[in-house]
């Protein structure tokens, strides 16, 4: 379950910010494995169900150029991203462009594996300008955290299947969010049809007996 920014725990990992929101969830991987998956910054951002990417290019070590539509606030973004290690096992993504200062991914040990907290920090512009541009605030944070939680859950549950991780990273993640939803729906329909076929075969066999 994603924990919203209004809850007392966990505390915001960006104590030096006066304008931050965050969401937190449990991951059933130990912190070092969670850290490894989070280092794939492109995958982490493409998982966001409101981001429709037109461009994602790596421009240097730890730097990226991204162009996308954020459907949570109906804005188009053209950003330069700089990825830095820390805090701890986590990472920090700073932005050139937009009103967001940084996104911080904090990874902490938890009894079930680890806890991942995603924090959007808006302490970049003067308060008056932030107020004038509040329509640009990213409203996708909770949905992003929930999508990441499900992504880690699928990795944990199905990684034993040969080629599963390759399929997720090379085929499923590069799809637009709407296409991913359609693909999962088609999978569910196919599975349902398969079990219905087995049911029909079972009825036929019983009748023959």
N, C-alpha and C. Protein backbone atom coordinates (compact mmCIF):
# COMPACT_ATOMS: atom_id res chain seq x y z
N UNK A 1 0.86 -1.19 0.00
CA UNK A 1 0.00 0.00 0.00
C UNK A 1 0.89 1.23 0.00
N UNK A 2 0.63 2.17 -0.90
CA UNK A 2 1.41 3.40 -0.96
C UNK A 2 1.00 4.31 0.18
N UNK A 3 1.96 4.87 0.84
CA UNK A 3 1.69 5.78 1.94
C UNK A 3 1.76 7.22 1.43
N UNK A 4 0.73 8.00 1.65
CA UNK A 4 0.66 9.34 1.10
C UNK A 4 1.47 10.31 1.95
N UNK A 5 1.61 11.53 1.42
CA UNK A 5 2.47 12.51 2.07
C UNK A 5 1.91 13.01 3.38
N UNK A 6 0.64 12.80 3.66
CA UNK A 6 0.07 13.30 4.89
C UNK A 6 0.33 12.42 6.10
N UNK A 7 0.89 11.25 5.92
CA UNK A 7 1.11 10.34 7.03
C UNK A 7 2.40 10.67 7.76
N UNK A 8 2.48 10.40 9.06
CA UNK A 8 3.66 10.79 9.82
C UNK A 8 4.88 9.95 9.51
N UNK A 9 4.72 8.76 8.94
CA UNK A 9 5.86 7.92 8.62
C UNK A 9 5.71 7.43 7.19
N UNK A 10 6.80 7.42 6.43
CA UNK A 10 8.14 7.82 6.81
C UNK A 10 8.34 9.33 6.74
N UNK A 11 9.36 9.82 7.44
CA UNK A 11 9.69 11.23 7.38
C UNK A 11 10.31 11.55 6.02
N UNK A 12 10.11 12.79 5.58
CA UNK A 12 10.69 13.21 4.30
C UNK A 12 12.21 13.13 4.37
N UNK A 13 12.85 12.54 3.36
CA UNK A 13 14.31 12.45 3.38
C UNK A 13 14.99 13.74 2.95
N UNK A 14 14.23 14.76 2.56
CA UNK A 14 14.84 16.03 2.15
C UNK A 14 14.48 17.09 3.19
N UNK A 15 15.10 16.99 4.34
CA UNK A 15 14.78 17.87 5.47
C UNK A 15 15.12 19.33 5.17
N UNK A 16 16.00 19.57 4.17
CA UNK A 16 16.39 20.93 3.85
C UNK A 16 15.39 21.61 2.92
N UNK A 17 14.30 20.92 2.54
CA UNK A 17 13.31 21.49 1.64
C UNK A 17 12.11 22.01 2.42
N UNK A 18 11.53 23.09 1.92
CA UNK A 18 10.31 23.64 2.51
C UNK A 18 9.09 23.29 1.68
N UNK A 19 9.27 22.56 0.59
CA UNK A 19 8.14 22.27 -0.30
C UNK A 19 8.38 20.92 -0.98
N UNK A 20 8.08 19.85 -0.28
CA UNK A 20 8.33 18.50 -0.81
C UNK A 20 7.12 17.61 -0.54
N UNK A 21 6.88 16.68 -1.44
CA UNK A 21 5.84 15.66 -1.27
C UNK A 21 6.48 14.31 -1.54
N UNK A 22 5.94 13.27 -0.91
CA UNK A 22 6.56 11.97 -1.08
C UNK A 22 5.56 10.85 -0.94
N UNK A 23 5.93 9.68 -1.44
CA UNK A 23 5.14 8.46 -1.28
C UNK A 23 6.11 7.32 -1.02
N UNK A 24 5.67 6.34 -0.23
CA UNK A 24 6.55 5.27 0.22
C UNK A 24 5.84 3.94 0.10
N UNK A 25 6.60 2.89 -0.19
CA UNK A 25 6.03 1.55 -0.29
C UNK A 25 7.10 0.51 -0.01
N UNK A 26 6.66 -0.71 0.30
CA UNK A 26 7.57 -1.81 0.58
C UNK A 26 7.91 -2.56 -0.69
N UNK A 27 9.16 -3.01 -0.76
CA UNK A 27 9.65 -3.82 -1.88
C UNK A 27 10.17 -5.13 -1.30
N UNK A 28 9.80 -6.23 -1.91
CA UNK A 28 10.20 -7.54 -1.37
C UNK A 28 11.56 -7.98 -1.89
N UNK A 29 12.44 -7.02 -2.13
CA UNK A 29 13.84 -7.28 -2.43
C UNK A 29 14.70 -6.67 -1.34
N UNK A 30 15.85 -7.24 -1.04
CA UNK A 30 16.76 -6.57 -0.10
C UNK A 30 17.25 -5.25 -0.69
N UNK A 31 17.75 -4.35 0.16
CA UNK A 31 18.12 -3.02 -0.32
C UNK A 31 19.11 -3.02 -1.49
N UNK A 32 20.07 -3.95 -1.50
CA UNK A 32 21.06 -3.91 -2.58
C UNK A 32 20.43 -4.26 -3.93
N UNK A 33 19.43 -5.15 -3.95
CA UNK A 33 18.76 -5.49 -5.20
C UNK A 33 17.83 -4.35 -5.63
N UNK A 34 17.13 -3.76 -4.68
CA UNK A 34 16.30 -2.59 -4.99
C UNK A 34 17.15 -1.47 -5.56
N UNK A 35 18.32 -1.27 -4.98
CA UNK A 35 19.25 -0.26 -5.47
C UNK A 35 19.65 -0.55 -6.92
N UNK A 36 19.92 -1.80 -7.23
CA UNK A 36 20.32 -2.19 -8.58
C UNK A 36 19.23 -1.85 -9.59
N UNK A 37 17.99 -2.18 -9.27
CA UNK A 37 16.89 -1.89 -10.20
C UNK A 37 16.65 -0.38 -10.33
N UNK A 38 16.81 0.38 -9.25
CA UNK A 38 16.59 1.82 -9.31
C UNK A 38 17.66 2.53 -10.13
N UNK A 39 18.82 1.91 -10.28
CA UNK A 39 19.87 2.52 -11.10
C UNK A 39 19.48 2.58 -12.58
N UNK A 40 18.49 1.78 -12.98
CA UNK A 40 17.96 1.86 -14.34
C UNK A 40 16.96 3.01 -14.37
N UNK A 41 17.48 4.23 -14.46
CA UNK A 41 16.65 5.43 -14.31
C UNK A 41 15.59 5.52 -15.41
N UNK A 42 15.94 5.13 -16.62
CA UNK A 42 14.96 5.19 -17.70
C UNK A 42 13.75 4.32 -17.38
N UNK A 43 13.99 3.10 -16.93
CA UNK A 43 12.88 2.20 -16.58
C UNK A 43 12.04 2.79 -15.46
N UNK A 44 12.69 3.35 -14.44
CA UNK A 44 11.97 3.91 -13.30
C UNK A 44 11.04 5.03 -13.73
N UNK A 45 11.50 5.89 -14.65
CA UNK A 45 10.66 7.00 -15.10
C UNK A 45 9.59 6.55 -16.08
N UNK A 46 9.91 5.61 -16.95
CA UNK A 46 8.91 5.15 -17.91
C UNK A 46 7.77 4.38 -17.22
N UNK A 47 8.02 3.85 -16.04
CA UNK A 47 6.98 3.14 -15.31
C UNK A 47 5.83 4.08 -14.94
N UNK A 48 6.10 5.37 -14.82
CA UNK A 48 5.06 6.33 -14.43
C UNK A 48 3.89 6.25 -15.43
N UNK A 49 2.68 5.92 -14.96
CA UNK A 49 1.57 5.72 -15.90
C UNK A 49 1.04 7.00 -16.53
N UNK A 50 1.53 8.17 -16.09
CA UNK A 50 1.10 9.44 -16.66
C UNK A 50 2.13 10.06 -17.59
N UNK A 51 3.31 9.46 -17.72
CA UNK A 51 4.36 10.01 -18.57
C UNK A 51 4.33 9.33 -19.93
N UNK A 52 4.09 10.12 -20.97
CA UNK A 52 4.10 9.61 -22.35
C UNK A 52 5.33 10.20 -23.05
N UNK A 53 6.37 9.38 -23.15
CA UNK A 53 7.66 9.87 -23.64
C UNK A 53 7.71 9.91 -25.17
N UNK A 54 8.26 11.01 -25.67
CA UNK A 54 8.61 11.12 -27.09
C UNK A 54 10.12 10.92 -27.28
N UNK A 55 10.90 11.39 -26.29
CA UNK A 55 12.36 11.32 -26.39
C UNK A 55 12.92 10.94 -25.02
N UNK A 56 13.85 9.99 -25.02
CA UNK A 56 14.68 9.72 -23.84
C UNK A 56 16.07 9.37 -24.36
N UNK A 57 17.01 10.27 -24.16
CA UNK A 57 18.37 10.05 -24.64
C UNK A 57 19.36 10.24 -23.50
N UNK A 58 20.33 9.35 -23.43
CA UNK A 58 21.42 9.55 -22.48
C UNK A 58 22.43 10.47 -23.14
N UNK A 59 22.76 11.57 -22.49
CA UNK A 59 23.65 12.58 -23.05
C UNK A 59 25.04 12.55 -22.45
N UNK A 60 25.24 11.73 -21.43
CA UNK A 60 26.54 11.62 -20.79
C UNK A 60 26.44 10.68 -19.60
N UNK A 61 27.54 10.52 -18.86
CA UNK A 61 27.48 9.67 -17.66
C UNK A 61 26.53 10.26 -16.63
N UNK A 62 25.40 9.61 -16.43
CA UNK A 62 24.44 10.06 -15.44
C UNK A 62 23.60 11.25 -15.87
N UNK A 63 23.60 11.61 -17.16
CA UNK A 63 22.80 12.73 -17.63
C UNK A 63 21.90 12.27 -18.78
N UNK A 64 20.68 12.85 -18.82
CA UNK A 64 19.68 12.43 -19.80
C UNK A 64 18.89 13.64 -20.29
N UNK A 65 18.39 13.52 -21.52
CA UNK A 65 17.44 14.50 -22.05
C UNK A 65 16.12 13.78 -22.28
N UNK A 66 15.03 14.33 -21.74
CA UNK A 66 13.72 13.69 -21.85
C UNK A 66 12.69 14.70 -22.31
N UNK A 67 11.82 14.25 -23.22
CA UNK A 67 10.67 15.04 -23.66
C UNK A 67 9.45 14.15 -23.55
N UNK A 68 8.42 14.65 -22.86
CA UNK A 68 7.25 13.81 -22.63
C UNK A 68 6.05 14.68 -22.28
N UNK A 69 4.87 14.07 -22.40
CA UNK A 69 3.64 14.69 -21.93
C UNK A 69 3.30 14.11 -20.57
N UNK A 70 3.06 14.98 -19.60
CA UNK A 70 2.60 14.56 -18.28
C UNK A 70 1.09 14.71 -18.26
N UNK A 71 0.38 13.60 -18.36
CA UNK A 71 -1.08 13.67 -18.46
C UNK A 71 -1.74 13.95 -17.12
N UNK A 72 -0.99 13.93 -16.03
CA UNK A 72 -1.59 14.25 -14.73
C UNK A 72 -1.87 15.74 -14.59
N UNK A 73 -1.10 16.58 -15.29
CA UNK A 73 -1.34 18.02 -15.23
C UNK A 73 -1.44 18.66 -16.61
N UNK A 74 -1.51 17.81 -17.65
CA UNK A 74 -1.71 18.26 -19.03
C UNK A 74 -0.62 19.24 -19.48
N UNK A 75 0.63 18.93 -19.16
CA UNK A 75 1.75 19.76 -19.60
C UNK A 75 2.73 18.92 -20.41
N UNK A 76 3.48 19.60 -21.25
CA UNK A 76 4.57 18.96 -21.98
C UNK A 76 5.88 19.40 -21.33
N UNK A 77 6.80 18.46 -21.17
CA UNK A 77 8.05 18.71 -20.48
C UNK A 77 9.23 18.43 -21.39
N UNK A 78 10.22 19.30 -21.33
CA UNK A 78 11.51 19.07 -21.98
C UNK A 78 12.56 19.33 -20.91
N UNK A 79 13.18 18.27 -20.40
CA UNK A 79 14.02 18.36 -19.22
C UNK A 79 15.40 17.78 -19.46
N UNK A 80 16.37 18.35 -18.76
CA UNK A 80 17.69 17.73 -18.64
C UNK A 80 17.78 17.14 -17.23
N UNK A 81 18.11 15.85 -17.15
CA UNK A 81 18.17 15.15 -15.88
C UNK A 81 19.61 14.81 -15.54
N UNK A 82 19.97 15.04 -14.29
CA UNK A 82 21.29 14.68 -13.80
C UNK A 82 21.12 13.74 -12.61
N UNK A 83 21.67 12.54 -12.71
CA UNK A 83 21.48 11.50 -11.70
C UNK A 83 22.71 11.43 -10.80
N UNK A 84 22.50 11.56 -9.50
CA UNK A 84 23.58 11.53 -8.52
C UNK A 84 23.33 10.41 -7.52
N UNK A 85 24.37 9.74 -7.05
CA UNK A 85 24.18 8.71 -6.02
C UNK A 85 23.82 9.33 -4.68
N UNK A 86 23.03 8.59 -3.90
CA UNK A 86 22.67 9.04 -2.57
C UNK A 86 21.30 9.71 -2.55
N UNK A 87 20.72 9.78 -1.37
CA UNK A 87 21.29 9.45 -0.06
C UNK A 87 21.38 7.93 0.17
N UNK A 88 22.47 7.52 0.80
CA UNK A 88 22.68 6.11 1.10
C UNK A 88 22.69 5.27 -0.16
N UNK A 89 21.85 4.23 -0.18
CA UNK A 89 21.74 3.37 -1.35
C UNK A 89 20.86 3.97 -2.45
N UNK A 90 20.22 5.09 -2.14
CA UNK A 90 19.30 5.69 -3.09
C UNK A 90 19.98 6.53 -4.15
N UNK A 91 19.19 7.35 -4.82
CA UNK A 91 19.74 8.24 -5.84
C UNK A 91 18.90 9.50 -5.88
N UNK A 92 19.49 10.56 -6.46
CA UNK A 92 18.84 11.86 -6.57
C UNK A 92 18.88 12.30 -8.03
N UNK A 93 17.74 12.68 -8.56
CA UNK A 93 17.64 13.18 -9.93
C UNK A 93 17.32 14.67 -9.86
N UNK A 94 18.23 15.50 -10.37
CA UNK A 94 17.98 16.94 -10.42
C UNK A 94 17.58 17.33 -11.85
N UNK A 95 16.87 18.46 -11.95
CA UNK A 95 16.28 18.85 -13.23
C UNK A 95 16.75 20.22 -13.67
N UNK A 96 16.93 20.36 -14.97
CA UNK A 96 17.06 21.67 -15.60
C UNK A 96 15.83 21.84 -16.48
N UNK A 97 14.98 22.79 -16.11
CA UNK A 97 13.69 22.96 -16.77
C UNK A 97 12.57 22.54 -15.84
N UNK A 98 11.41 23.19 -15.99
CA UNK A 98 10.29 22.86 -15.13
C UNK A 98 10.39 23.52 -13.77
N UNK A 99 9.44 23.19 -12.89
CA UNK A 99 9.41 23.81 -11.56
C UNK A 99 9.91 22.87 -10.48
N UNK A 100 10.22 21.65 -10.85
CA UNK A 100 10.66 20.66 -9.85
C UNK A 100 12.18 20.74 -9.68
N UNK A 101 12.63 20.78 -8.45
CA UNK A 101 14.07 20.87 -8.19
C UNK A 101 14.75 19.52 -8.34
N UNK A 102 14.14 18.47 -7.76
CA UNK A 102 14.77 17.16 -7.76
C UNK A 102 13.75 16.10 -7.36
N UNK A 103 14.06 14.88 -7.71
CA UNK A 103 13.33 13.72 -7.21
C UNK A 103 14.33 12.83 -6.50
N UNK A 104 14.03 12.48 -5.25
CA UNK A 104 14.94 11.70 -4.43
C UNK A 104 14.34 10.32 -4.19
N UNK A 105 15.13 9.30 -4.48
CA UNK A 105 14.72 7.91 -4.22
C UNK A 105 15.54 7.41 -3.03
N UNK A 106 14.85 7.16 -1.93
CA UNK A 106 15.50 6.72 -0.70
C UNK A 106 15.18 5.25 -0.46
N UNK A 107 16.22 4.46 -0.21
CA UNK A 107 16.07 3.02 0.00
C UNK A 107 16.51 2.70 1.42
N UNK A 108 15.62 2.08 2.19
CA UNK A 108 15.92 1.73 3.57
C UNK A 108 15.60 0.26 3.81
N UNK A 109 16.32 -0.39 4.73
CA UNK A 109 15.99 -1.79 5.06
C UNK A 109 14.61 -1.86 5.72
N UNK A 110 13.93 -2.97 5.47
CA UNK A 110 12.64 -3.24 6.09
C UNK A 110 12.54 -4.73 6.36
N UNK A 111 11.72 -5.13 7.32
CA UNK A 111 11.62 -6.57 7.64
C UNK A 111 11.25 -7.41 6.42
N UNK A 112 10.41 -6.87 5.54
CA UNK A 112 9.97 -7.62 4.37
C UNK A 112 10.95 -7.53 3.20
N UNK A 113 11.98 -6.71 3.33
CA UNK A 113 12.94 -6.51 2.24
C UNK A 113 13.52 -5.12 2.31
N UNK A 114 12.82 -4.15 1.72
CA UNK A 114 13.27 -2.77 1.78
C UNK A 114 12.08 -1.84 1.59
N UNK A 115 12.30 -0.58 1.94
CA UNK A 115 11.29 0.45 1.75
C UNK A 115 11.85 1.49 0.77
N UNK A 116 11.07 1.78 -0.26
CA UNK A 116 11.46 2.78 -1.24
C UNK A 116 10.56 4.00 -1.09
N UNK A 117 11.18 5.16 -0.90
CA UNK A 117 10.45 6.42 -0.78
C UNK A 117 10.82 7.31 -1.96
N UNK A 118 9.81 7.80 -2.66
CA UNK A 118 10.02 8.70 -3.80
C UNK A 118 9.56 10.09 -3.39
N UNK A 119 10.47 11.05 -3.43
CA UNK A 119 10.19 12.41 -2.98
C UNK A 119 10.38 13.40 -4.11
N UNK A 120 9.36 14.21 -4.38
CA UNK A 120 9.46 15.32 -5.32
C UNK A 120 9.67 16.60 -4.52
N UNK A 121 10.77 17.28 -4.81
CA UNK A 121 11.14 18.51 -4.10
C UNK A 121 10.92 19.70 -5.03
N UNK A 122 10.08 20.64 -4.60
CA UNK A 122 9.76 21.83 -5.40
C UNK A 122 10.43 23.10 -4.88
N UNK A 123 11.37 22.95 -3.97
CA UNK A 123 12.00 24.11 -3.35
C UNK A 123 13.08 24.67 -4.28
N UNK A 124 12.63 25.17 -5.43
CA UNK A 124 13.55 25.68 -6.45
C UNK A 124 13.28 27.15 -6.73
N UNK A 125 12.05 27.50 -7.03
CA UNK A 125 11.68 28.86 -7.39
C UNK A 125 11.24 29.64 -6.16
N UNK A 126 11.21 30.97 -6.25
CA UNK A 126 10.67 31.77 -5.13
C UNK A 126 9.21 31.40 -4.87
N UNK A 127 8.76 31.51 -3.62
CA UNK A 127 7.38 31.09 -3.28
C UNK A 127 6.31 31.74 -4.16
N UNK A 128 6.48 33.00 -4.49
CA UNK A 128 5.46 33.68 -5.30
C UNK A 128 5.37 33.06 -6.69
N UNK A 129 6.52 32.75 -7.28
CA UNK A 129 6.51 32.12 -8.61
C UNK A 129 5.96 30.71 -8.55
N UNK A 130 6.28 29.97 -7.47
CA UNK A 130 5.71 28.63 -7.32
C UNK A 130 4.19 28.69 -7.23
N UNK A 131 3.69 29.70 -6.54
CA UNK A 131 2.24 29.85 -6.41
C UNK A 131 1.61 30.14 -7.78
N UNK A 132 2.25 30.98 -8.56
CA UNK A 132 1.72 31.33 -9.88
C UNK A 132 1.75 30.14 -10.84
N UNK A 133 2.66 29.20 -10.60
CA UNK A 133 2.82 28.07 -11.51
C UNK A 133 2.35 26.75 -10.88
N UNK A 134 1.46 26.85 -9.90
CA UNK A 134 1.05 25.64 -9.19
C UNK A 134 0.29 24.67 -10.09
N UNK A 135 -0.23 25.14 -11.22
CA UNK A 135 -0.90 24.23 -12.16
C UNK A 135 0.09 23.25 -12.79
N UNK A 136 1.40 23.55 -12.70
CA UNK A 136 2.43 22.69 -13.27
C UNK A 136 2.90 21.61 -12.29
N UNK A 137 2.39 21.63 -11.07
CA UNK A 137 2.79 20.62 -10.08
C UNK A 137 2.43 19.23 -10.60
N UNK A 138 3.37 18.32 -10.48
CA UNK A 138 3.18 16.94 -10.94
C UNK A 138 2.22 16.21 -10.00
N UNK A 139 1.07 15.79 -10.54
CA UNK A 139 0.06 15.12 -9.72
C UNK A 139 0.14 13.60 -9.82
N UNK A 140 1.22 13.10 -10.39
CA UNK A 140 1.31 11.66 -10.66
C UNK A 140 2.07 10.88 -9.59
N UNK A 141 2.51 11.52 -8.52
CA UNK A 141 3.44 10.87 -7.60
C UNK A 141 2.87 9.58 -7.00
N UNK A 142 1.66 9.62 -6.47
CA UNK A 142 1.10 8.42 -5.84
C UNK A 142 0.89 7.31 -6.87
N UNK A 143 0.41 7.67 -8.06
CA UNK A 143 0.23 6.67 -9.11
C UNK A 143 1.57 6.10 -9.55
N UNK A 144 2.60 6.93 -9.58
CA UNK A 144 3.94 6.48 -9.94
C UNK A 144 4.46 5.48 -8.91
N UNK A 145 4.29 5.82 -7.64
CA UNK A 145 4.75 4.91 -6.58
C UNK A 145 4.01 3.58 -6.64
N UNK A 146 2.71 3.63 -6.89
CA UNK A 146 1.94 2.39 -6.98
C UNK A 146 2.38 1.55 -8.19
N UNK A 147 2.66 2.21 -9.30
CA UNK A 147 3.13 1.49 -10.49
C UNK A 147 4.50 0.86 -10.23
N UNK A 148 5.36 1.56 -9.52
CA UNK A 148 6.66 0.99 -9.17
C UNK A 148 6.50 -0.20 -8.23
N UNK A 149 5.58 -0.09 -7.27
CA UNK A 149 5.35 -1.21 -6.35
C UNK A 149 4.92 -2.46 -7.12
N UNK A 150 4.01 -2.30 -8.06
CA UNK A 150 3.54 -3.43 -8.85
C UNK A 150 4.66 -3.97 -9.75
N UNK A 151 5.48 -3.07 -10.28
CA UNK A 151 6.61 -3.47 -11.12
C UNK A 151 7.58 -4.36 -10.33
N UNK A 152 7.94 -3.95 -9.12
CA UNK A 152 8.83 -4.76 -8.29
C UNK A 152 8.17 -6.08 -7.91
N UNK A 153 6.87 -6.04 -7.67
CA UNK A 153 6.14 -7.26 -7.33
C UNK A 153 6.19 -8.26 -8.48
N UNK A 154 6.00 -7.78 -9.70
CA UNK A 154 6.06 -8.67 -10.86
C UNK A 154 7.46 -9.20 -11.08
N UNK A 155 8.46 -8.38 -10.85
CA UNK A 155 9.83 -8.86 -10.95
C UNK A 155 10.09 -10.00 -9.98
N UNK A 156 9.61 -9.82 -8.75
CA UNK A 156 9.83 -10.83 -7.72
C UNK A 156 9.06 -12.11 -8.02
N UNK A 157 7.83 -11.95 -8.51
CA UNK A 157 6.95 -13.10 -8.67
C UNK A 157 7.28 -13.94 -9.90
N UNK A 158 7.72 -13.28 -10.99
CA UNK A 158 7.83 -13.99 -12.26
C UNK A 158 9.24 -14.08 -12.82
N UNK A 159 10.24 -13.61 -12.09
CA UNK A 159 11.60 -13.62 -12.63
C UNK A 159 12.14 -15.02 -12.89
N UNK A 160 11.49 -16.05 -12.33
CA UNK A 160 11.95 -17.43 -12.58
C UNK A 160 11.64 -17.86 -14.01
N UNK A 161 10.73 -17.15 -14.69
CA UNK A 161 10.42 -17.51 -16.06
C UNK A 161 11.56 -17.08 -16.99
N UNK A 162 12.08 -17.96 -17.83
CA UNK A 162 13.15 -17.57 -18.75
C UNK A 162 12.70 -16.42 -19.66
N UNK A 163 13.51 -15.40 -19.72
CA UNK A 163 13.23 -14.27 -20.59
C UNK A 163 12.29 -13.23 -20.02
N UNK A 164 11.78 -13.46 -18.79
CA UNK A 164 10.81 -12.53 -18.23
C UNK A 164 11.41 -11.15 -18.01
N UNK A 165 12.58 -11.06 -17.37
CA UNK A 165 13.19 -9.76 -17.12
C UNK A 165 13.52 -9.04 -18.43
N UNK A 166 13.98 -9.80 -19.42
CA UNK A 166 14.28 -9.20 -20.73
C UNK A 166 13.02 -8.63 -21.35
N UNK A 167 11.91 -9.38 -21.27
CA UNK A 167 10.66 -8.91 -21.85
C UNK A 167 10.19 -7.63 -21.17
N UNK A 168 10.22 -7.61 -19.82
CA UNK A 168 9.78 -6.41 -19.11
C UNK A 168 10.59 -5.19 -19.52
N UNK A 169 11.92 -5.35 -19.55
CA UNK A 169 12.77 -4.19 -19.78
C UNK A 169 12.83 -3.77 -21.25
N UNK A 170 12.85 -4.72 -22.17
CA UNK A 170 13.08 -4.39 -23.58
C UNK A 170 11.81 -4.26 -24.40
N UNK A 171 10.72 -4.84 -23.92
CA UNK A 171 9.48 -4.81 -24.69
C UNK A 171 8.39 -4.02 -23.95
N UNK A 172 8.10 -4.41 -22.70
CA UNK A 172 6.95 -3.84 -22.00
C UNK A 172 7.20 -2.40 -21.54
N UNK A 173 8.33 -2.13 -20.91
CA UNK A 173 8.60 -0.78 -20.39
C UNK A 173 8.67 0.28 -21.49
N UNK A 174 9.29 0.02 -22.65
CA UNK A 174 9.32 1.06 -23.69
C UNK A 174 7.95 1.40 -24.29
N UNK A 175 6.92 0.57 -24.04
CA UNK A 175 5.58 0.88 -24.54
C UNK A 175 5.04 2.13 -23.84
N UNK A 176 4.11 2.81 -24.51
CA UNK A 176 3.38 3.88 -23.84
C UNK A 176 2.46 3.27 -22.78
N UNK A 177 2.15 4.01 -21.71
CA UNK A 177 1.33 3.44 -20.64
C UNK A 177 0.01 2.85 -21.12
N UNK A 178 -0.66 3.50 -22.07
CA UNK A 178 -1.92 2.97 -22.57
C UNK A 178 -1.72 1.64 -23.26
N UNK A 179 -0.61 1.49 -24.00
CA UNK A 179 -0.33 0.22 -24.68
C UNK A 179 -0.03 -0.88 -23.67
N UNK A 180 0.66 -0.55 -22.58
CA UNK A 180 0.93 -1.55 -21.55
C UNK A 180 -0.36 -2.06 -20.92
N UNK A 181 -1.31 -1.14 -20.69
CA UNK A 181 -2.59 -1.56 -20.10
C UNK A 181 -3.34 -2.49 -21.05
N UNK A 182 -3.29 -2.20 -22.33
CA UNK A 182 -3.96 -3.05 -23.32
C UNK A 182 -3.32 -4.43 -23.37
N UNK A 183 -1.98 -4.47 -23.32
CA UNK A 183 -1.27 -5.75 -23.37
C UNK A 183 -1.66 -6.62 -22.18
N UNK A 184 -1.67 -6.04 -20.96
CA UNK A 184 -2.05 -6.84 -19.79
C UNK A 184 -3.49 -7.32 -19.88
N UNK A 185 -4.37 -6.49 -20.45
CA UNK A 185 -5.76 -6.91 -20.62
C UNK A 185 -5.85 -8.08 -21.59
N UNK A 186 -5.06 -8.02 -22.68
CA UNK A 186 -5.06 -9.12 -23.64
C UNK A 186 -4.52 -10.40 -22.99
N UNK A 187 -3.50 -10.27 -22.15
CA UNK A 187 -2.99 -11.44 -21.44
C UNK A 187 -4.06 -12.07 -20.57
N UNK A 188 -4.81 -11.23 -19.84
CA UNK A 188 -5.87 -11.75 -18.96
C UNK A 188 -6.95 -12.45 -19.77
N UNK A 189 -7.32 -11.86 -20.91
CA UNK A 189 -8.33 -12.47 -21.75
C UNK A 189 -7.84 -13.82 -22.29
N UNK A 190 -6.57 -13.87 -22.70
CA UNK A 190 -6.02 -15.11 -23.23
C UNK A 190 -6.00 -16.21 -22.16
N UNK A 191 -5.60 -15.84 -20.94
CA UNK A 191 -5.58 -16.82 -19.85
C UNK A 191 -6.99 -17.30 -19.55
N UNK A 192 -7.96 -16.36 -19.52
CA UNK A 192 -9.34 -16.75 -19.25
C UNK A 192 -9.86 -17.70 -20.34
N UNK A 193 -9.53 -17.40 -21.59
CA UNK A 193 -9.97 -18.27 -22.69
C UNK A 193 -9.34 -19.66 -22.57
N UNK A 194 -8.09 -19.71 -22.15
CA UNK A 194 -7.41 -21.00 -22.01
C UNK A 194 -8.09 -21.86 -20.94
N UNK A 195 -8.37 -21.24 -19.80
CA UNK A 195 -9.02 -22.01 -18.73
C UNK A 195 -10.45 -22.40 -19.11
N UNK A 196 -11.13 -21.56 -19.88
CA UNK A 196 -12.47 -21.92 -20.35
C UNK A 196 -12.38 -23.12 -21.29
N UNK A 197 -11.35 -23.13 -22.15
CA UNK A 197 -11.15 -24.27 -23.05
C UNK A 197 -10.91 -25.55 -22.25
N UNK A 198 -10.08 -25.46 -21.21
CA UNK A 198 -9.84 -26.63 -20.37
C UNK A 198 -11.13 -27.10 -19.69
N UNK A 199 -11.94 -26.15 -19.28
CA UNK A 199 -13.22 -26.51 -18.64
C UNK A 199 -14.13 -27.25 -19.62
N UNK A 200 -14.18 -26.76 -20.86
CA UNK A 200 -15.00 -27.42 -21.87
C UNK A 200 -14.49 -28.83 -22.14
N UNK A 201 -13.16 -28.98 -22.24
CA UNK A 201 -12.57 -30.30 -22.47
C UNK A 201 -12.90 -31.23 -21.31
N UNK A 202 -12.82 -30.71 -20.07
CA UNK A 202 -13.13 -31.53 -18.90
C UNK A 202 -14.58 -32.02 -18.95
N UNK A 203 -15.50 -31.13 -19.28
CA UNK A 203 -16.91 -31.50 -19.37
C UNK A 203 -17.11 -32.58 -20.44
N UNK A 204 -16.43 -32.41 -21.57
CA UNK A 204 -16.55 -33.39 -22.65
C UNK A 204 -16.04 -34.76 -22.20
N UNK A 205 -14.89 -34.79 -21.51
CA UNK A 205 -14.31 -36.05 -21.05
C UNK A 205 -15.24 -36.72 -20.06
N UNK A 206 -15.80 -35.93 -19.13
CA UNK A 206 -16.71 -36.49 -18.14
C UNK A 206 -17.96 -37.09 -18.79
N UNK A 207 -18.46 -36.40 -19.79
CA UNK A 207 -19.63 -36.90 -20.47
C UNK A 207 -19.34 -38.20 -21.23
N UNK A 208 -18.14 -38.28 -21.83
CA UNK A 208 -17.76 -39.49 -22.53
C UNK A 208 -17.62 -40.68 -21.57
N UNK A 209 -17.10 -40.41 -20.38
CA UNK A 209 -16.99 -41.47 -19.39
C UNK A 209 -18.36 -41.92 -18.90
